[in-house]
Amino acid sequence: MSSFTAHDVKTLRQATGAGMMDCKRALTENEGDMEAATQWLREKGMAKAAARADRVSDQGTVALAVDSHAAAIVELRCETDFSAKAADFTTLADELAQIVLAGGEDSVGTREAAIQDLSLTKKENVRLGKVVKVQASEGNILDTYLHTQDGRGTSAVVVEARGVTQELAHEVALHIAFAKPAVLHRDEVSAEEVERERVALAEMTKAEGKPEQAWDKIVAGRLRAWYAERVLLEQGMFGEKETVESRLGDGEIVRFELAAIGS
C-alpha cells in the first residue's frame, strides 16, 4: 500500500509544477517513491510538451557565458515574455550557457530533463534556440555584448577579430546587436536568394515606369542596399555612411555570432 503524506504531495508539486491530483496519482502509482514519482510526471509532462510542440515559442531569453578565450551563447525559448522573465527560466538559461562554455555545444543535452521540467512547470513550449560556442584562435581576440531588458537577455553577440583593438571589436559587437546582420561576407548569401531578389527588384523597377535604359543601374543600386541590410561588412556603422569594412581598416572580423529574441 502506498505510504506518503500531504507534505510529500506538496513537495512533489513544488518540484515539478504538476497539479495536486497528478502528484497524488504519481505517488500512488510509485508507492510513495519521490524520485520515481518525479520521473513518472516527467514522462507524462513530455507527452504534454509534445502536444505543445507546434505552438510558437518566439519569446525567451538569451544567455552569454565568457572566459578569456571562449564565449558561449544559449537561447532558451518559450511562448510568453512573462515566463521568459521569471527567475527559474533565466537561471536555467545561464546554467546552460556555462555548461556549453565548459563542455561544448553538445553538452547542453545533459540538461534536457531540466528543459522538459520547465516546459511542464510553465505549461508552454519551452525549447532550445541557438546554441553556439566560439573558441578564439591563437592571436585573435574576442568581444561580446549582451543586451538585457526587464531582467532577461534579449540579444547576445560574440565577435572574433584580429588586427583590431579591443575597443573597435566592441564597437562592432554593439553595431551587430543594433543592425542584426545575417552573414559576414556577401558570398555567404546563396545565389538562389540573390537571384530571387534581383528578379523582384527588376519587376518593381519596371512597374515604377523607370526608363528602360536605367533599369540595370537602378536594380544594381537597390541590390547593393539589399546586401547592406544582411552583410555585416557592407553595413554602415550604426546606420552612418562609413561601412564596417572601412572602419576595420587593416583589421578583420573572423567570425560573429548573434542570437536575438524575436528574430
Protein backbone atom coordinates (compact mmCIF):
# COMPACT_ATOMS: atom_id res chain seq x y z
CA MET A 1 0.00 0.00 0.00
CA SER A 2 1.31 3.44 -0.91
CA SER A 3 2.60 5.47 2.00
CA PHE A 4 3.00 9.21 1.62
CA THR A 5 1.87 12.39 3.33
CA ALA A 6 0.24 15.64 2.25
CA HIS A 7 3.65 17.23 2.68
CA ASP A 8 5.08 14.76 0.14
CA VAL A 9 2.40 15.77 -2.34
CA LYS A 10 3.18 19.46 -1.77
CA THR A 11 6.92 18.85 -2.19
CA LEU A 12 6.38 16.96 -5.43
CA ARG A 13 4.07 19.65 -6.73
CA GLN A 14 6.62 22.38 -5.97
CA ALA A 15 9.38 20.38 -7.62
CA THR A 16 7.50 19.56 -10.82
CA GLY A 17 4.80 22.19 -11.21
CA ALA A 18 2.25 19.44 -11.77
CA GLY A 19 -1.30 19.58 -10.40
CA MET A 20 -2.18 18.33 -6.93
CA MET A 21 -4.20 15.35 -8.13
CA ASP A 22 -1.49 14.40 -10.64
CA CYS A 23 1.08 14.43 -7.83
CA LYS A 24 -1.13 12.22 -5.66
CA ARG A 25 -1.56 9.78 -8.51
CA ALA A 26 2.17 9.78 -9.26
CA LEU A 27 2.99 8.94 -5.66
CA THR A 28 0.29 6.27 -5.57
CA GLU A 29 1.50 4.66 -8.80
CA ASN A 30 5.07 4.63 -7.49
CA GLU A 31 4.40 3.54 -3.90
CA GLY A 32 5.44 6.85 -2.40
CA ASP A 33 8.87 6.89 -4.07
CA MET A 34 9.53 10.59 -4.68
CA GLU A 35 12.21 10.08 -7.36
CA ALA A 36 10.13 7.56 -9.28
CA ALA A 37 7.06 9.80 -8.99
CA THR A 38 9.04 12.72 -10.36
CA GLN A 39 10.14 10.63 -13.32
CA TRP A 40 6.57 9.43 -13.86
CA LEU A 41 5.36 13.03 -14.01
CA ARG A 42 8.24 13.96 -16.27
CA GLU A 43 7.21 11.29 -18.70
CA LYS A 44 3.62 12.49 -18.60
CA GLY A 45 4.91 16.04 -18.99
CA MET A 46 6.87 15.02 -22.03
CA ALA A 47 3.65 13.88 -23.66
CA LYS A 48 2.08 17.25 -22.89
CA ALA A 49 5.14 19.05 -24.21
CA ALA A 50 4.89 17.10 -27.45
CA ALA A 51 1.31 18.26 -27.84
CA ARG A 52 2.54 21.84 -27.44
CA ALA A 53 5.49 21.46 -29.78
CA ASP A 54 3.73 23.11 -32.72
CA ARG A 55 2.92 26.22 -30.69
CA VAL A 56 5.03 29.25 -31.50
CA SER A 57 7.77 29.97 -28.97
CA ASP A 58 9.01 33.37 -30.10
CA GLN A 59 9.74 34.67 -26.62
CA GLY A 60 12.53 33.61 -24.29
CA THR A 61 15.90 34.71 -23.00
CA VAL A 62 19.45 34.72 -24.32
CA ALA A 63 22.34 33.85 -22.01
CA LEU A 64 26.02 34.55 -22.52
CA ALA A 65 29.00 32.93 -20.78
CA VAL A 66 32.55 34.15 -21.33
CA ASP A 67 36.12 33.33 -20.32
CA SER A 68 39.41 34.72 -21.61
CA HIS A 69 39.50 32.71 -24.85
CA ALA A 70 35.96 31.48 -25.47
CA ALA A 71 32.31 32.51 -25.28
CA ALA A 72 29.02 30.62 -25.42
CA ILE A 73 25.50 31.72 -26.32
CA VAL A 74 22.38 29.78 -25.40
CA GLU A 75 18.92 30.84 -26.44
CA LEU A 76 16.07 29.35 -24.39
CA ARG A 77 12.70 29.98 -25.99
CA CYS A 78 9.13 29.94 -24.69
CA GLU A 79 5.70 31.30 -25.58
CA THR A 80 5.28 34.33 -23.31
CA ASP A 81 7.52 37.11 -22.05
CA PHE A 82 6.04 36.50 -18.57
CA SER A 83 7.72 33.10 -18.45
CA ALA A 84 10.89 34.39 -20.08
CA LYS A 85 11.40 36.98 -17.34
CA ALA A 86 10.93 34.51 -14.48
CA ALA A 87 13.95 33.73 -12.30
CA ASP A 88 13.78 29.96 -12.84
CA PHE A 89 13.78 30.49 -16.62
CA THR A 90 16.71 32.92 -16.74
CA THR A 91 18.65 30.86 -14.20
CA LEU A 92 18.39 27.73 -16.34
CA ALA A 93 19.49 29.66 -19.43
CA ASP A 94 22.54 30.95 -17.56
CA GLU A 95 23.37 27.43 -16.37
CA LEU A 96 23.11 26.11 -19.92
CA ALA A 97 25.47 28.80 -21.22
CA GLN A 98 28.05 27.89 -18.59
CA ILE A 99 27.72 24.21 -19.48
CA VAL A 100 28.30 24.95 -23.17
CA LEU A 101 31.27 27.17 -22.36
CA ALA A 102 32.86 24.38 -20.35
CA GLY A 103 31.91 21.35 -22.43
CA GLY A 104 30.97 22.47 -25.93
CA GLU A 105 27.69 22.68 -27.79
CA ASP A 106 26.72 19.01 -27.43
CA SER A 107 26.96 19.20 -23.64
CA VAL A 108 23.71 21.15 -23.49
CA GLY A 109 21.96 17.79 -23.91
CA THR A 110 22.90 16.87 -20.35
CA ARG A 111 20.18 19.25 -19.13
CA GLU A 112 17.41 18.07 -21.42
CA ALA A 113 15.37 16.84 -18.46
CA ALA A 114 15.55 20.27 -16.82
CA ILE A 115 14.21 21.88 -20.00
CA GLN A 116 11.37 19.37 -20.11
CA ASP A 117 10.60 20.03 -16.46
CA LEU A 118 10.47 23.76 -17.14
CA SER A 119 8.07 23.14 -20.03
CA LEU A 120 5.87 21.21 -17.64
CA THR A 121 6.05 23.93 -14.99
CA LYS A 122 5.32 26.76 -17.41
CA LYS A 123 2.77 24.78 -19.45
CA GLU A 124 4.44 26.24 -22.55
CA ASN A 125 6.55 25.02 -25.45
CA VAL A 126 9.97 25.58 -23.90
CA ARG A 127 12.81 24.69 -26.28
CA LEU A 128 16.37 25.49 -27.13
CA GLY A 129 17.07 28.03 -29.83
CA LYS A 130 20.59 28.89 -30.89
CA VAL A 131 23.40 27.11 -29.03
CA VAL A 132 26.96 28.05 -30.02
CA LYS A 133 30.47 28.20 -28.61
CA VAL A 134 33.19 30.39 -30.12
CA GLN A 135 36.79 29.49 -29.31
CA ALA A 136 39.25 32.19 -30.35
CA SER A 137 42.18 31.06 -32.45
CA GLU A 138 45.67 31.95 -31.27
CA GLY A 139 46.38 35.63 -31.78
CA ASN A 140 42.72 36.58 -32.18
CA ILE A 141 40.59 38.47 -29.69
CA LEU A 142 37.01 38.01 -28.58
CA ASP A 143 34.47 40.61 -27.68
CA THR A 144 30.90 40.14 -26.50
CA TYR A 145 27.77 42.10 -25.83
CA LEU A 146 24.57 41.10 -24.03
CA HIS A 147 21.55 43.38 -24.24
CA THR A 148 19.19 42.95 -21.30
CA GLN A 149 15.63 44.11 -20.86
CA ASP A 150 13.34 43.54 -17.89
CA GLY A 151 15.82 41.20 -16.28
CA ARG A 152 16.46 38.91 -19.25
CA GLY A 153 18.88 38.85 -22.14
CA THR A 154 17.19 39.75 -25.42
CA SER A 155 20.22 39.65 -27.73
CA ALA A 156 23.78 38.38 -27.44
CA VAL A 157 26.76 38.91 -29.72
CA VAL A 158 30.19 37.28 -29.92
CA VAL A 159 32.86 38.71 -32.22
CA GLU A 160 36.19 37.08 -33.04
CA ALA A 161 38.64 39.52 -34.61
CA ARG A 162 42.29 40.05 -35.40
CA GLY A 163 44.35 43.11 -36.12
CA VAL A 164 41.96 45.42 -34.25
CA THR A 165 41.82 46.94 -30.80
CA GLN A 166 39.51 45.61 -28.13
CA GLU A 167 37.63 48.90 -28.31
CA LEU A 168 36.97 48.54 -32.03
CA ALA A 169 35.92 44.91 -31.63
CA HIS A 170 33.41 46.00 -29.00
CA GLU A 171 32.14 48.78 -31.24
CA VAL A 172 31.47 46.19 -33.94
CA ALA A 173 29.73 43.94 -31.40
CA LEU A 174 27.42 46.79 -30.45
CA HIS A 175 26.73 47.50 -34.12
CA ILE A 176 25.79 43.85 -34.71
CA ALA A 177 23.29 43.98 -31.87
CA PHE A 178 21.85 47.15 -33.42
CA ALA A 179 21.83 46.16 -37.11
CA LYS A 180 21.39 42.36 -36.85
CA PRO A 181 23.31 41.26 -39.96
CA ALA A 182 22.75 37.73 -41.18
CA VAL A 183 26.22 36.99 -42.60
CA LEU A 184 29.76 38.34 -42.54
CA HIS A 185 30.60 38.28 -46.27
CA ARG A 186 28.48 38.78 -49.38
CA ASP A 187 29.46 35.37 -50.75
CA GLU A 188 27.69 33.71 -47.81
CA VAL A 189 24.33 34.73 -49.28
CA SER A 190 23.05 31.95 -51.52
CA ALA A 191 22.99 32.53 -55.26
CA GLU A 192 19.33 31.45 -55.35
CA GLU A 193 18.34 34.07 -52.80
CA VAL A 194 20.24 36.77 -54.69
CA GLU A 195 18.60 35.84 -57.98
CA ARG A 196 15.12 35.89 -56.45
CA GLU A 197 15.78 39.36 -55.09
CA ARG A 198 17.24 40.56 -58.39
CA VAL A 199 14.14 39.43 -60.28
CA ALA A 200 11.83 41.05 -57.71
CA LEU A 201 13.76 44.34 -57.88
CA ALA A 202 13.69 44.28 -61.68
CA GLU A 203 9.91 43.80 -61.73
CA MET A 204 9.45 46.57 -59.16
CA THR A 205 11.65 48.94 -61.18
CA LYS A 206 9.72 48.24 -64.38
CA ALA A 207 6.38 48.72 -62.61
CA GLU A 208 7.51 52.14 -61.42
CA GLY A 209 7.83 53.28 -65.03
CA LYS A 210 11.55 53.99 -64.90
CA PRO A 211 13.31 54.48 -68.26
CA GLU A 212 14.38 51.12 -69.67
CA GLN A 213 17.95 52.25 -70.23
CA ALA A 214 18.26 52.95 -66.48
CA TRP A 215 16.85 49.63 -65.26
CA ASP A 216 20.17 47.80 -64.83
CA LYS A 217 21.74 50.69 -62.90
CA ILE A 218 18.70 51.11 -60.64
CA VAL A 219 18.48 47.37 -59.91
CA ALA A 220 22.22 47.21 -59.15
CA GLY A 221 21.87 50.08 -56.67
CA ARG A 222 18.89 48.51 -54.96
CA LEU A 223 20.67 45.17 -54.77
CA ARG A 224 23.61 46.86 -53.03
CA ALA A 225 21.21 48.28 -50.47
CA TRP A 226 19.66 44.82 -50.04
CA TYR A 227 23.10 43.33 -49.39
CA ALA A 228 23.83 46.09 -46.87
CA GLU A 229 20.84 45.00 -44.82
CA ARG A 230 22.26 41.48 -44.49
CA VAL A 231 26.04 41.60 -44.82
CA LEU A 232 28.00 42.90 -41.83
CA LEU A 233 31.00 44.27 -43.74
CA GLU A 234 28.74 46.26 -46.09
CA GLN A 235 26.59 47.83 -43.39
CA GLY A 236 27.08 51.43 -42.34
CA MET A 237 28.34 51.58 -38.77
CA PHE A 238 25.29 52.37 -36.66
CA GLY A 239 23.47 53.45 -39.82
CA GLU A 240 26.09 56.02 -40.85
CA LYS A 241 27.83 56.19 -44.24
CA GLU A 242 31.12 54.64 -43.13
CA THR A 243 30.90 50.88 -43.58
CA VAL A 244 32.06 48.31 -41.06
CA GLU A 245 34.69 47.14 -43.53
CA SER A 246 36.04 50.68 -43.85
CA ARG A 247 36.10 51.17 -40.08
CA LEU A 248 38.15 48.00 -39.66
CA GLY A 249 40.96 49.24 -41.89
CA ASP A 250 43.60 46.53 -42.00
CA GLY A 251 41.82 44.58 -39.28
CA GLU A 252 39.47 41.67 -39.79
CA ILE A 253 36.34 40.18 -38.31
CA VAL A 254 36.95 36.44 -38.39
CA ARG A 255 33.54 35.37 -37.15
CA PHE A 256 30.49 36.66 -35.40
CA GLU A 257 27.52 35.03 -33.75
CA LEU A 258 24.22 36.69 -32.94
CA ALA A 259 21.15 35.42 -31.13
CA ALA A 260 18.15 37.70 -30.64
CA ILE A 261 14.68 37.08 -29.29
CA GLY A 262 12.04 37.84 -31.90
CA SER A 263 14.38 37.35 -34.85
